[in-house]
């Protein structure tokens, strides 16, 4: 498998992100990047703040929340190799995907 963002048990990669996917409060979204190609990465948002909390980020800062917890991202430039993140959904929402470009 290449880089992947997993939401509700479904893996997303390439340029197809979890657009308009509903997520429940208490669920976890995970991010994994492999050891090869890096791309611009992703930004995932919600209409409701604060919705997301980064619970695991390896290396530190690989994933962060932005806009007071309304969005989470893997950063402003290409993601790194071997990133691992877990993002906790605090409030049930439907995901918006302004950016999604992974391997």
C-alpha atoms as a PDB file:
ATOM      1  CA  UNK A   1       0.000   0.000   0.000  1.00  0.00           C
ATOM      2  CA  UNK A   2       1.107   3.546  -0.644  1.00  0.00           C
ATOM      3  CA  UNK A   3       0.475   6.550   1.593  1.00  0.00           C
ATOM      4  CA  UNK A   4      -3.039   6.405   2.998  1.00  0.00           C
ATOM      5  CA  UNK A   5      -5.556   8.259   5.108  1.00  0.00           C
ATOM      6  CA  UNK A   6      -8.052   5.858   6.684  1.00  0.00           C
ATOM      7  CA  UNK A   7     -11.565   7.044   7.549  1.00  0.00           C
ATOM      8  CA  UNK A   8     -14.316   4.698   8.768  1.00  0.00           C
ATOM      9  CA  UNK A   9     -12.138   1.725   7.799  1.00  0.00           C
ATOM     10  CA  UNK A  10     -11.676   2.877   4.184  1.00  0.00           C
ATOM     11  CA  UNK A  11      -8.232   3.873   2.898  1.00  0.00           C
ATOM     12  CA  UNK A  12      -7.849   6.934   0.658  1.00  0.00           C
ATOM     13  CA  UNK A  13      -4.742   7.667  -1.421  1.00  0.00           C
ATOM     14  CA  UNK A  14      -3.667   9.412  -4.593  1.00  0.00           C
ATOM     15  CA  UNK A  15      -5.920  12.383  -5.326  1.00  0.00           C
ATOM     16  CA  UNK A  16      -9.184  10.858  -4.094  1.00  0.00           C
ATOM     17  CA  UNK A  17      -9.865  12.018  -0.535  1.00  0.00           C
ATOM     18  CA  UNK A  18     -12.808  11.438   1.819  1.00  0.00           C
ATOM     19  CA  UNK A  19     -15.071  14.139   0.336  1.00  0.00           C
ATOM     20  CA  UNK A  20     -18.436  14.446   2.122  1.00  0.00           C
ATOM     21  CA  UNK A  21     -17.764  11.386   4.299  1.00  0.00           C
ATOM     22  CA  UNK A  22     -19.660  11.448   7.603  1.00  0.00           C
ATOM     23  CA  UNK A  23     -17.634  10.632  10.732  1.00  0.00           C
ATOM     24  CA  UNK A  24     -18.929   9.931  14.224  1.00  0.00           C
ATOM     25  CA  UNK A  25     -17.830  11.618  17.426  1.00  0.00           C
ATOM     26  CA  UNK A  26     -15.171   9.490  19.099  1.00  0.00           C
ATOM     27  CA  UNK A  27     -13.913   7.918  15.869  1.00  0.00           C
ATOM     28  CA  UNK A  28     -10.262   8.030  14.826  1.00  0.00           C
ATOM     29  CA  UNK A  29      -8.815   8.970  11.431  1.00  0.00           C
ATOM     30  CA  UNK A  30      -5.315   7.629  10.725  1.00  0.00           C
ATOM     31  CA  UNK A  31      -2.539   8.752   8.387  1.00  0.00           C
ATOM     32  CA  UNK A  32       0.372   6.613   7.218  1.00  0.00           C
ATOM     33  CA  UNK A  33       3.072   7.520   4.707  1.00  0.00           C
ATOM     34  CA  UNK A  34       5.453   4.909   3.368  1.00  0.00           C
ATOM     35  CA  UNK A  35       9.183   5.294   2.770  1.00  0.00           C
ATOM     36  CA  UNK A  36       9.244   6.451  -0.841  1.00  0.00           C
ATOM     37  CA  UNK A  37       7.518   9.224  -2.842  1.00  0.00           C
ATOM     38  CA  UNK A  38       6.268  12.379  -1.108  1.00  0.00           C
ATOM     39  CA  UNK A  39       3.535  14.673  -2.413  1.00  0.00           C
ATOM     40  CA  UNK A  40       1.773  17.890  -1.257  1.00  0.00           C
ATOM     41  CA  UNK A  41      -0.380  15.923   1.205  1.00  0.00           C
ATOM     42  CA  UNK A  42      -3.778  16.820   2.603  1.00  0.00           C
ATOM     43  CA  UNK A  43      -5.980  19.201   4.505  1.00  0.00           C
ATOM     44  CA  UNK A  44      -9.248  17.843   5.906  1.00  0.00           C
ATOM     45  CA  UNK A  45     -11.863  20.180   7.401  1.00  0.00           C
ATOM     46  CA  UNK A  46     -15.297  20.395   9.002  1.00  0.00           C
ATOM     47  CA  UNK A  47     -17.878  23.153   9.110  1.00  0.00           C
ATOM     48  CA  UNK A  48     -17.955  22.920  12.931  1.00  0.00           C
ATOM     49  CA  UNK A  49     -15.110  23.990  15.240  1.00  0.00           C
ATOM     50  CA  UNK A  50     -13.433  22.475  17.175  1.00  0.00           C
ATOM     51  CA  UNK A  51     -13.830  19.019  15.691  1.00  0.00           C
ATOM     52  CA  UNK A  52     -10.366  17.440  15.487  1.00  0.00           C
ATOM     53  CA  UNK A  53      -7.599  16.640  17.952  1.00  0.00           C
ATOM     54  CA  UNK A  54      -4.271  15.108  16.901  1.00  0.00           C
ATOM     55  CA  UNK A  55      -3.609  12.306  19.410  1.00  0.00           C
ATOM     56  CA  UNK A  56      -0.507  10.751  17.795  1.00  0.00           C
ATOM     57  CA  UNK A  57       2.006  12.381  15.459  1.00  0.00           C
ATOM     58  CA  UNK A  58       5.271  10.687  14.483  1.00  0.00           C
ATOM     59  CA  UNK A  59       7.535  12.463  13.962  1.00  0.00           C
ATOM     60  CA  UNK A  60       6.312  15.228  16.222  1.00  0.00           C
ATOM     61  CA  UNK A  61       4.395  17.833  14.222  1.00  0.00           C
ATOM     62  CA  UNK A  62       3.747  15.518  11.247  1.00  0.00           C
ATOM     63  CA  UNK A  63       0.022  16.253  11.637  1.00  0.00           C
ATOM     64  CA  UNK A  64      -1.450  19.364  13.207  1.00  0.00           C
ATOM     65  CA  UNK A  65      -4.841  20.982  13.676  1.00  0.00           C
ATOM     66  CA  UNK A  66      -5.491  24.391  12.148  1.00  0.00           C
ATOM     67  CA  UNK A  67      -8.260  26.993  12.275  1.00  0.00           C
ATOM     68  CA  UNK A  68      -8.968  26.305  15.973  1.00  0.00           C
ATOM     69  CA  UNK A  69      -9.464  22.583  15.382  1.00  0.00           C
ATOM     70  CA  UNK A  70     -11.720  22.989  12.347  1.00  0.00           C
ATOM     71  CA  UNK A  71      -9.092  21.376  10.076  1.00  0.00           C
ATOM     72  CA  UNK A  72      -6.158  19.003  10.310  1.00  0.00           C
ATOM     73  CA  UNK A  73      -3.248  18.777   7.904  1.00  0.00           C
ATOM     74  CA  UNK A  74       0.059  17.057   7.329  1.00  0.00           C
ATOM     75  CA  UNK A  75       1.726  20.445   6.860  1.00  0.00           C
ATOM     76  CA  UNK A  76       2.229  23.240   4.361  1.00  0.00           C
ATOM     77  CA  UNK A  77       4.700  21.442   2.084  1.00  0.00           C
ATOM     78  CA  UNK A  78       5.178  17.866   0.912  1.00  0.00           C
ATOM     79  CA  UNK A  79       4.588  15.279   3.622  1.00  0.00           C
ATOM     80  CA  UNK A  80       7.614  13.346   4.853  1.00  0.00           C
ATOM     81  CA  UNK A  81       8.299   9.633   4.586  1.00  0.00           C
ATOM     82  CA  UNK A  82       7.243   7.313   7.416  1.00  0.00           C
ATOM     83  CA  UNK A  83       4.702   9.610   9.063  1.00  0.00           C
ATOM     84  CA  UNK A  84       2.133   8.115  11.451  1.00  0.00           C
ATOM     85  CA  UNK A  85      -0.791  10.118  12.823  1.00  0.00           C
ATOM     86  CA  UNK A  86      -4.052   9.522  14.651  1.00  0.00           C
ATOM     87  CA  UNK A  87      -6.705  12.233  14.647  1.00  0.00           C
ATOM     88  CA  UNK A  88      -9.623  12.029  17.065  1.00  0.00           C
ATOM     89  CA  UNK A  89     -13.035  13.273  15.899  1.00  0.00           C
ATOM     90  CA  UNK A  90     -14.566  15.250  18.782  1.00  0.00           C
ATOM     91  CA  UNK A  91     -17.953  16.086  17.192  1.00  0.00           C
ATOM     92  CA  UNK A  92     -19.876  14.177  14.502  1.00  0.00           C
ATOM     93  CA  UNK A  93     -19.358  15.931  11.165  1.00  0.00           C
ATOM     94  CA  UNK A  94     -19.059  15.579   7.410  1.00  0.00           C
ATOM     95  CA  UNK A  95     -15.570  15.984   5.993  1.00  0.00           C
ATOM     96  CA  UNK A  96     -14.540  18.685   3.509  1.00  0.00           C
ATOM     97  CA  UNK A  97     -11.315  18.161   1.569  1.00  0.00           C
ATOM     98  CA  UNK A  98      -9.683  21.360   0.281  1.00  0.00           C
ATOM     99  CA  UNK A  99      -6.437  19.492  -0.521  1.00  0.00           C
ATOM    100  CA  UNK A 100      -5.631  15.813  -1.085  1.00  0.00           C
ATOM    101  CA  UNK A 101      -2.578  14.653  -3.020  1.00  0.00           C
ATOM    102  CA  UNK A 102      -0.716  11.636  -1.668  1.00  0.00           C
ATOM    103  CA  UNK A 103       1.139   8.755  -3.302  1.00  0.00           C
END
